[in-house]
Amino acid sequence: MAHIAPVALKVPEVMEALGLSRSKVYDLIRAKKLGSFKEGGSRRIPVAAIHDYVRTKMEEAA
């Protein structure tokens, strides 16, 4: 059986992936710097939104 990569992550998974605190992840969501949606009462962050955020940070650092 093939492994399917996740399309969206929960906040704790994003915290681990980016090495950020819970409050920082929610700050980024509130500031519209990290796209997200709610599903079943849980906040989800599309993997594409994480890539966009990192790409933006890299461009800012250049």
C-alpha atoms as a PDB file:
ATOM      1  CA  MET A   1       0.000   0.000   0.000  1.00  0.00           C
ATOM      2  CA  ALA A   2       1.320   3.422  -0.975  1.00  0.00           C
ATOM      3  CA  HIS A   3       1.929   6.073   1.660  1.00  0.00           C
ATOM      4  CA  ILE A   4      -0.233   9.163   1.161  1.00  0.00           C
ATOM      5  CA  ALA A   5       1.375  12.437   2.206  1.00  0.00           C
ATOM      6  CA  PRO A   6      -0.869  14.677   4.332  1.00  0.00           C
ATOM      7  CA  VAL A   7      -2.546  17.602   2.607  1.00  0.00           C
ATOM      8  CA  ALA A   8      -3.268  19.532   5.806  1.00  0.00           C
ATOM      9  CA  LEU A   9      -1.779  19.428   9.306  1.00  0.00           C
ATOM     10  CA  LYS A  10      -3.076  20.158  12.790  1.00  0.00           C
ATOM     11  CA  VAL A  11      -1.547  23.007  14.809  1.00  0.00           C
ATOM     12  CA  PRO A  12       0.709  20.714  16.919  1.00  0.00           C
ATOM     13  CA  GLU A  13       2.113  19.187  13.723  1.00  0.00           C
ATOM     14  CA  VAL A  14       2.831  22.654  12.310  1.00  0.00           C
ATOM     15  CA  MET A  15       4.463  23.642  15.605  1.00  0.00           C
ATOM     16  CA  GLU A  16       6.824  20.685  15.288  1.00  0.00           C
ATOM     17  CA  ALA A  17       7.462  21.157  11.564  1.00  0.00           C
ATOM     18  CA  LEU A  18       8.368  24.845  11.904  1.00  0.00           C
ATOM     19  CA  GLY A  19       9.793  24.774  15.431  1.00  0.00           C
ATOM     20  CA  LEU A  20       7.330  27.416  16.600  1.00  0.00           C
ATOM     21  CA  SER A  21       5.223  27.792  19.722  1.00  0.00           C
ATOM     22  CA  ARG A  22       1.465  27.266  19.691  1.00  0.00           C
ATOM     23  CA  SER A  23       0.856  30.983  20.235  1.00  0.00           C
ATOM     24  CA  LYS A  24       3.178  31.912  17.347  1.00  0.00           C
ATOM     25  CA  VAL A  25       1.337  29.568  14.964  1.00  0.00           C
ATOM     26  CA  TYR A  26      -1.998  31.126  15.970  1.00  0.00           C
ATOM     27  CA  ASP A  27      -0.480  34.629  15.640  1.00  0.00           C
ATOM     28  CA  LEU A  28       0.527  33.787  12.050  1.00  0.00           C
ATOM     29  CA  ILE A  29      -2.966  32.468  11.321  1.00  0.00           C
ATOM     30  CA  ARG A  30      -4.624  35.606  12.774  1.00  0.00           C
ATOM     31  CA  ALA A  31      -2.247  37.834  10.788  1.00  0.00           C
ATOM     32  CA  LYS A  32      -3.197  35.922   7.593  1.00  0.00           C
ATOM     33  CA  LYS A  33       0.458  34.938   7.108  1.00  0.00           C
ATOM     34  CA  LEU A  34      -0.422  31.252   7.388  1.00  0.00           C
ATOM     35  CA  GLY A  35      -3.582  30.034   5.699  1.00  0.00           C
ATOM     36  CA  SER A  36      -5.898  27.685   7.587  1.00  0.00           C
ATOM     37  CA  PHE A  37      -9.428  26.367   7.867  1.00  0.00           C
ATOM     38  CA  LYS A  38     -11.564  24.679  10.527  1.00  0.00           C
ATOM     39  CA  GLU A  39     -12.716  21.102  10.181  1.00  0.00           C
ATOM     40  CA  GLY A  40     -14.667  19.376  12.922  1.00  0.00           C
ATOM     41  CA  GLY A  41     -13.716  21.986  15.488  1.00  0.00           C
ATOM     42  CA  SER A  42     -10.016  21.570  14.741  1.00  0.00           C
ATOM     43  CA  ARG A  43      -7.838  24.092  12.938  1.00  0.00           C
ATOM     44  CA  ARG A  44      -6.045  22.682   9.858  1.00  0.00           C
ATOM     45  CA  ILE A  45      -3.187  24.241   7.944  1.00  0.00           C
ATOM     46  CA  PRO A  46      -2.700  23.125   4.339  1.00  0.00           C
ATOM     47  CA  VAL A  47       0.826  21.919   3.606  1.00  0.00           C
ATOM     48  CA  ALA A  48       0.831  24.327   0.641  1.00  0.00           C
ATOM     49  CA  ALA A  49       0.232  27.236   3.063  1.00  0.00           C
ATOM     50  CA  ILE A  50       3.265  26.153   5.091  1.00  0.00           C
ATOM     51  CA  HIS A  51       5.389  26.065   1.933  1.00  0.00           C
ATOM     52  CA  ASP A  52       4.102  29.532   0.947  1.00  0.00           C
ATOM     53  CA  TYR A  53       4.960  30.908   4.401  1.00  0.00           C
ATOM     54  CA  VAL A  54       8.492  29.478   4.288  1.00  0.00           C
ATOM     55  CA  ARG A  55       9.004  30.741   0.715  1.00  0.00           C
ATOM     56  CA  THR A  56       7.919  34.249   1.785  1.00  0.00           C
ATOM     57  CA  LYS A  57      10.288  34.191   4.776  1.00  0.00           C
ATOM     58  CA  MET A  58      13.157  33.084   2.512  1.00  0.00           C
ATOM     59  CA  GLU A  59      12.426  35.898   0.042  1.00  0.00           C
ATOM     60  CA  GLU A  60      12.337  38.420   2.895  1.00  0.00           C
ATOM     61  CA  ALA A  61      15.718  37.165   4.129  1.00  0.00           C
ATOM     62  CA  ALA A  62      17.361  37.454   0.695  1.00  0.00           C
END
